Amino acid sequence: MWATLADLAVHNAVWSLLAVGGMNATLADIQRYAVDTRHWVTAQQFVTFFSITQAAPGPNGMAVALIGFQAAGLAGALVTTVAKIVPSALVAYFVSDWVEQRNHSRIVTAIRRGLAPVTVGLLTSAAYVFARETDVNVIRVLATLATVVVVSWTRVNPIWLVMLGGLLGVVGVMR
């Protein structure tokens, strides 16, 4: 069990530091490691955990606590949560003043410009992981594509799309 806790701590600390653009940027790697490498959760559990935390109030990154709980019980959930929060919080605390003082400097602008495409790439890989696990039939693929189109080309609040998807699931359209 100690090895699992250490594994959870190290990997979540790394993911915390790599979460440029938010925790969702690391989803593809978390899925690969937790599902494919360590088998702590199934692919379906992974999608469910992240879907639940996206819908719930609070930080969406707390899905890793559910993975930690699945892997090592309450101790796993606690270790995972601390490891996911503390490293990036410390970096933010110690770097924020430096960035604020140099907000319009060439170095800060260059860092932001360099990280933007990396973030988009990481988020795209996360979207691919979710689509691969959930789009198991034509109806679901069409729902995903329709959602992308509506979100990309309209100002419709995504919560309406979430509610519509839930309703379609309740009435049995999304099987």
C-alpha atoms as a PDB file:
ATOM      1  CA  MET A   1       0.000   0.000   0.000  1.00  0.00           C
ATOM      2  CA  TRP A   2       2.869   2.390   0.740  1.00  0.00           C
ATOM      3  CA  ALA A   3       4.149   1.922  -2.796  1.00  0.00           C
ATOM      4  CA  THR A   4       0.734   2.829  -4.199  1.00  0.00           C
ATOM      5  CA  LEU A   5       0.534   5.935  -1.996  1.00  0.00           C
ATOM      6  CA  ALA A   6       4.020   7.014  -3.083  1.00  0.00           C
ATOM      7  CA  ASP A   7       3.071   6.399  -6.714  1.00  0.00           C
ATOM      8  CA  LEU A   8      -0.100   8.471  -6.313  1.00  0.00           C
ATOM      9  CA  ALA A   9       1.838  11.281  -4.622  1.00  0.00           C
ATOM     10  CA  VAL A  10       4.598  11.485  -7.221  1.00  0.00           C
ATOM     11  CA  HIS A  11       2.380  11.291 -10.279  1.00  0.00           C
ATOM     12  CA  ASN A  12      -0.205  13.742  -8.981  1.00  0.00           C
ATOM     13  CA  ALA A  13       2.519  16.210  -8.014  1.00  0.00           C
ATOM     14  CA  VAL A  14       3.876  16.023 -11.556  1.00  0.00           C
ATOM     15  CA  TRP A  15       0.385  16.420 -13.049  1.00  0.00           C
ATOM     16  CA  SER A  16      -0.163  19.388 -10.748  1.00  0.00           C
ATOM     17  CA  LEU A  17       2.891  21.109 -12.188  1.00  0.00           C
ATOM     18  CA  LEU A  18       1.994  20.189 -15.770  1.00  0.00           C
ATOM     19  CA  ALA A  19      -1.595  21.443 -15.548  1.00  0.00           C
ATOM     20  CA  VAL A  20      -0.909  24.473 -17.725  1.00  0.00           C
ATOM     21  CA  GLY A  21      -4.311  25.849 -18.637  1.00  0.00           C
ATOM     22  CA  GLY A  22      -6.048  23.928 -15.895  1.00  0.00           C
ATOM     23  CA  MET A  23      -6.325  20.392 -14.691  1.00  0.00           C
ATOM     24  CA  ASN A  24      -8.141  19.195 -17.811  1.00  0.00           C
ATOM     25  CA  ALA A  25      -4.921  19.634 -19.766  1.00  0.00           C
ATOM     26  CA  THR A  26      -3.483  16.597 -17.998  1.00  0.00           C
ATOM     27  CA  LEU A  27      -6.497  14.296 -18.424  1.00  0.00           C
ATOM     28  CA  ALA A  28      -5.043  12.265 -21.274  1.00  0.00           C
ATOM     29  CA  ASP A  29      -1.938  11.379 -19.280  1.00  0.00           C
ATOM     30  CA  ILE A  30      -3.923  10.724 -16.106  1.00  0.00           C
ATOM     31  CA  GLN A  31      -6.204   8.400 -18.069  1.00  0.00           C
ATOM     32  CA  ARG A  32      -3.263   6.604 -19.651  1.00  0.00           C
ATOM     33  CA  TYR A  33      -1.577   6.063 -16.309  1.00  0.00           C
ATOM     34  CA  ALA A  34      -4.568   5.337 -14.051  1.00  0.00           C
ATOM     35  CA  VAL A  35      -6.446   3.145 -16.554  1.00  0.00           C
ATOM     36  CA  ASP A  36      -3.914   1.623 -18.939  1.00  0.00           C
ATOM     37  CA  THR A  37      -0.742   1.398 -16.850  1.00  0.00           C
ATOM     38  CA  ARG A  38      -1.847   0.946 -13.223  1.00  0.00           C
ATOM     39  CA  HIS A  39      -5.395  -0.356 -13.748  1.00  0.00           C
ATOM     40  CA  TRP A  40      -6.626   1.575 -10.712  1.00  0.00           C
ATOM     41  CA  VAL A  41      -9.879   2.368 -12.513  1.00  0.00           C
ATOM     42  CA  THR A  42     -11.610   1.248 -15.671  1.00  0.00           C
ATOM     43  CA  ALA A  43     -12.007   3.535 -18.668  1.00  0.00           C
ATOM     44  CA  GLN A  44     -15.709   3.910 -17.851  1.00  0.00           C
ATOM     45  CA  GLN A  45     -14.984   4.778 -14.201  1.00  0.00           C
ATOM     46  CA  PHE A  46     -12.459   7.366 -15.350  1.00  0.00           C
ATOM     47  CA  VAL A  47     -14.998   9.100 -17.589  1.00  0.00           C
ATOM     48  CA  THR A  48     -17.643   8.892 -14.852  1.00  0.00           C
ATOM     49  CA  PHE A  49     -15.341  10.381 -12.202  1.00  0.00           C
ATOM     50  CA  PHE A  50     -14.436  13.352 -14.373  1.00  0.00           C
ATOM     51  CA  SER A  51     -18.013  13.854 -15.530  1.00  0.00           C
ATOM     52  CA  ILE A  52     -19.222  13.949 -11.930  1.00  0.00           C
ATOM     53  CA  THR A  53     -16.599  16.476 -10.876  1.00  0.00           C
ATOM     54  CA  GLN A  54     -17.295  18.653 -13.915  1.00  0.00           C
ATOM     55  CA  ALA A  55     -20.965  18.826 -12.927  1.00  0.00           C
ATOM     56  CA  ALA A  56     -20.341  19.294  -9.206  1.00  0.00           C
ATOM     57  CA  PRO A  57     -19.447  22.631  -7.641  1.00  0.00           C
ATOM     58  CA  GLY A  58     -15.832  23.114  -6.690  1.00  0.00           C
ATOM     59  CA  PRO A  59     -12.551  22.265  -8.371  1.00  0.00           C
ATOM     60  CA  ASN A  60     -12.930  19.901 -11.310  1.00  0.00           C
ATOM     61  CA  GLY A  61      -9.544  18.397 -10.533  1.00  0.00           C
ATOM     62  CA  MET A  62     -10.931  16.583  -7.562  1.00  0.00           C
ATOM     63  CA  ALA A  63     -11.688  13.586  -9.761  1.00  0.00           C
ATOM     64  CA  VAL A  64      -8.149  12.467  -9.006  1.00  0.00           C
ATOM     65  CA  ALA A  65      -9.239  12.035  -5.386  1.00  0.00           C
ATOM     66  CA  LEU A  66     -11.781   9.485  -6.607  1.00  0.00           C
ATOM     67  CA  ILE A  67      -9.032   7.677  -8.492  1.00  0.00           C
ATOM     68  CA  GLY A  68      -6.861   7.791  -5.361  1.00  0.00           C
ATOM     69  CA  PHE A  69      -9.723   6.401  -3.297  1.00  0.00           C
ATOM     70  CA  GLN A  70     -10.212   3.592  -5.791  1.00  0.00           C
ATOM     71  CA  ALA A  71      -6.483   2.812  -5.733  1.00  0.00           C
ATOM     72  CA  ALA A  72      -5.769   3.031  -1.991  1.00  0.00           C
ATOM     73  CA  GLY A  73      -8.889   3.935  -0.023  1.00  0.00           C
ATOM     74  CA  LEU A  74      -9.197   7.074   2.081  1.00  0.00           C
ATOM     75  CA  ALA A  75      -5.417   7.434   2.409  1.00  0.00           C
ATOM     76  CA  GLY A  76      -5.156   7.365  -1.396  1.00  0.00           C
ATOM     77  CA  ALA A  77      -7.804  10.057  -1.738  1.00  0.00           C
ATOM     78  CA  LEU A  78      -6.028  12.301   0.788  1.00  0.00           C
ATOM     79  CA  VAL A  79      -2.546  11.787  -0.661  1.00  0.00           C
ATOM     80  CA  THR A  80      -3.825  12.372  -4.181  1.00  0.00           C
ATOM     81  CA  THR A  81      -5.682  15.546  -3.223  1.00  0.00           C
ATOM     82  CA  VAL A  82      -2.697  17.072  -1.413  1.00  0.00           C
ATOM     83  CA  ALA A  83      -0.278  16.085  -4.171  1.00  0.00           C
ATOM     84  CA  LYS A  84      -2.570  17.548  -6.823  1.00  0.00           C
ATOM     85  CA  ILE A  85      -3.061  20.890  -5.056  1.00  0.00           C
ATOM     86  CA  VAL A  86       0.137  21.769  -3.188  1.00  0.00           C
ATOM     87  CA  PRO A  87       2.835  21.856  -5.923  1.00  0.00           C
ATOM     88  CA  SER A  88       0.956  24.156  -8.315  1.00  0.00           C
ATOM     89  CA  ALA A  89      -0.309  26.273  -5.423  1.00  0.00           C
ATOM     90  CA  LEU A  90       3.254  26.807  -4.210  1.00  0.00           C
ATOM     91  CA  VAL A  91       4.456  27.732  -7.695  1.00  0.00           C
ATOM     92  CA  ALA A  92       1.544  30.151  -8.097  1.00  0.00           C
ATOM     93  CA  TYR A  93       2.254  31.688  -4.706  1.00  0.00           C
ATOM     94  CA  PHE A  94       5.964  32.222  -5.315  1.00  0.00           C
ATOM     95  CA  VAL A  95       5.788  33.193  -9.005  1.00  0.00           C
ATOM     96  CA  SER A  96       2.687  35.396  -9.042  1.00  0.00           C
ATOM     97  CA  ASP A  97       4.452  38.500  -7.695  1.00  0.00           C
ATOM     98  CA  TRP A  98       7.281  38.102 -10.204  1.00  0.00           C
ATOM     99  CA  VAL A  99       4.805  37.760 -13.087  1.00  0.00           C
ATOM    100  CA  GLU A 100       2.692  40.672 -11.844  1.00  0.00           C
ATOM    101  CA  GLN A 101       5.735  42.939 -11.696  1.00  0.00           C
ATOM    102  CA  ARG A 102       6.759  41.941 -15.226  1.00  0.00           C
ATOM    103  CA  ASN A 103       3.283  41.463 -16.686  1.00  0.00           C
ATOM    104  CA  HIS A 104       4.039  43.320 -19.934  1.00  0.00           C
ATOM    105  CA  SER A 105       7.661  42.277 -20.256  1.00  0.00           C
ATOM    106  CA  ARG A 106       8.938  40.337 -23.246  1.00  0.00           C
ATOM    107  CA  ILE A 107       9.734  37.270 -21.149  1.00  0.00           C
ATOM    108  CA  VAL A 108       6.243  36.959 -19.640  1.00  0.00           C
ATOM    109  CA  THR A 109       4.648  37.593 -23.037  1.00  0.00           C
ATOM    110  CA  ALA A 110       6.903  34.947 -24.615  1.00  0.00           C
ATOM    111  CA  ILE A 111       6.047  32.412 -21.911  1.00  0.00           C
ATOM    112  CA  ARG A 112       2.320  33.017 -22.386  1.00  0.00           C
ATOM    113  CA  ARG A 113       2.609  32.718 -26.164  1.00  0.00           C
ATOM    114  CA  GLY A 114       4.646  29.540 -25.836  1.00  0.00           C
ATOM    115  CA  LEU A 115       2.287  27.891 -23.392  1.00  0.00           C
ATOM    116  CA  ALA A 116      -0.906  28.678 -25.327  1.00  0.00           C
ATOM    117  CA  PRO A 117      -0.417  26.091 -28.100  1.00  0.00           C
ATOM    118  CA  VAL A 118       0.806  23.522 -25.580  1.00  0.00           C
ATOM    119  CA  THR A 119      -2.383  24.017 -23.580  1.00  0.00           C
ATOM    120  CA  VAL A 120      -4.558  23.694 -26.680  1.00  0.00           C
ATOM    121  CA  GLY A 121      -2.755  20.486 -27.637  1.00  0.00           C
ATOM    122  CA  LEU A 122      -3.153  19.001 -24.163  1.00  0.00           C
ATOM    123  CA  LEU A 123      -6.841  19.923 -24.035  1.00  0.00           C
ATOM    124  CA  THR A 124      -7.368  18.431 -27.494  1.00  0.00           C
ATOM    125  CA  SER A 125      -5.784  15.166 -26.370  1.00  0.00           C
ATOM    126  CA  ALA A 126      -8.066  15.163 -23.314  1.00  0.00           C
ATOM    127  CA  ALA A 127     -11.100  15.697 -25.552  1.00  0.00           C
ATOM    128  CA  TYR A 128      -9.964  12.787 -27.716  1.00  0.00           C
ATOM    129  CA  VAL A 129      -9.684  10.510 -24.660  1.00  0.00           C
ATOM    130  CA  PHE A 130     -13.228  11.348 -23.576  1.00  0.00           C
ATOM    131  CA  ALA A 131     -14.666  11.008 -27.078  1.00  0.00           C
ATOM    132  CA  ARG A 132     -12.938   7.650 -27.538  1.00  0.00           C
ATOM    133  CA  GLU A 133     -14.434   6.316 -24.311  1.00  0.00           C
ATOM    134  CA  THR A 134     -17.951   7.718 -24.682  1.00  0.00           C
ATOM    135  CA  ASP A 135     -18.698   7.874 -28.407  1.00  0.00           C
ATOM    136  CA  VAL A 136     -19.511   4.188 -28.766  1.00  0.00           C
ATOM    137  CA  ASN A 137     -22.353   4.538 -31.275  1.00  0.00           C
ATOM    138  CA  VAL A 138     -23.559   6.866 -34.032  1.00  0.00           C
ATOM    139  CA  ILE A 139     -25.982   8.783 -31.779  1.00  0.00           C
ATOM    140  CA  ARG A 140     -23.234   9.651 -29.310  1.00  0.00           C
ATOM    141  CA  VAL A 141     -20.818  10.668 -32.065  1.00  0.00           C
ATOM    142  CA  LEU A 142     -23.485  12.956 -33.554  1.00  0.00           C
ATOM    143  CA  ALA A 143     -24.190  14.439 -30.109  1.00  0.00           C
ATOM    144  CA  THR A 144     -20.482  15.157 -29.619  1.00  0.00           C
ATOM    145  CA  LEU A 145     -20.144  16.752 -33.055  1.00  0.00           C
ATOM    146  CA  ALA A 146     -23.316  18.816 -32.564  1.00  0.00           C
ATOM    147  CA  THR A 147     -22.021  20.038 -29.209  1.00  0.00           C
ATOM    148  CA  VAL A 148     -18.691  21.079 -30.738  1.00  0.00           C
ATOM    149  CA  VAL A 149     -20.503  22.969 -33.509  1.00  0.00           C
ATOM    150  CA  VAL A 150     -22.935  24.724 -31.153  1.00  0.00           C
ATOM    151  CA  VAL A 151     -20.228  25.721 -28.666  1.00  0.00           C
ATOM    152  CA  SER A 152     -17.852  26.854 -31.416  1.00  0.00           C
ATOM    153  CA  TRP A 153     -20.263  28.923 -33.502  1.00  0.00           C
ATOM    154  CA  THR A 154     -22.930  30.201 -31.139  1.00  0.00           C
ATOM    155  CA  ARG A 155     -23.188  31.929 -27.798  1.00  0.00           C
ATOM    156  CA  VAL A 156     -25.437  29.235 -26.296  1.00  0.00           C
ATOM    157  CA  ASN A 157     -24.495  28.589 -22.692  1.00  0.00           C
ATOM    158  CA  PRO A 158     -22.963  25.082 -22.489  1.00  0.00           C
ATOM    159  CA  ILE A 159     -25.083  24.288 -19.415  1.00  0.00           C
ATOM    160  CA  TRP A 160     -28.074  23.997 -21.765  1.00  0.00           C
ATOM    161  CA  LEU A 161     -26.201  21.395 -23.782  1.00  0.00           C
ATOM    162  CA  VAL A 162     -25.306  19.489 -20.619  1.00  0.00           C
ATOM    163  CA  MET A 163     -28.951  19.524 -19.546  1.00  0.00           C
ATOM    164  CA  LEU A 164     -30.063  18.415 -23.021  1.00  0.00           C
ATOM    165  CA  GLY A 165     -27.561  15.553 -22.960  1.00  0.00           C
ATOM    166  CA  GLY A 166     -28.820  14.489 -19.535  1.00  0.00           C
ATOM    167  CA  LEU A 167     -32.406  14.623 -20.727  1.00  0.00           C
ATOM    168  CA  LEU A 168     -31.552  12.543 -23.810  1.00  0.00           C
ATOM    169  CA  GLY A 169     -29.905  10.021 -21.506  1.00  0.00           C
ATOM    170  CA  VAL A 170     -32.928   9.869 -19.199  1.00  0.00           C
ATOM    171  CA  VAL A 171     -35.371   9.259 -22.053  1.00  0.00           C
ATOM    172  CA  GLY A 172     -33.130   6.547 -23.489  1.00  0.00           C
ATOM    173  CA  VAL A 173     -31.790   8.204 -26.628  1.00  0.00           C
ATOM    174  CA  MET A 174     -28.171   7.988 -25.444  1.00  0.00           C
ATOM    175  CA  ARG A 175     -27.521   4.305 -24.857  1.00  0.00           C
END
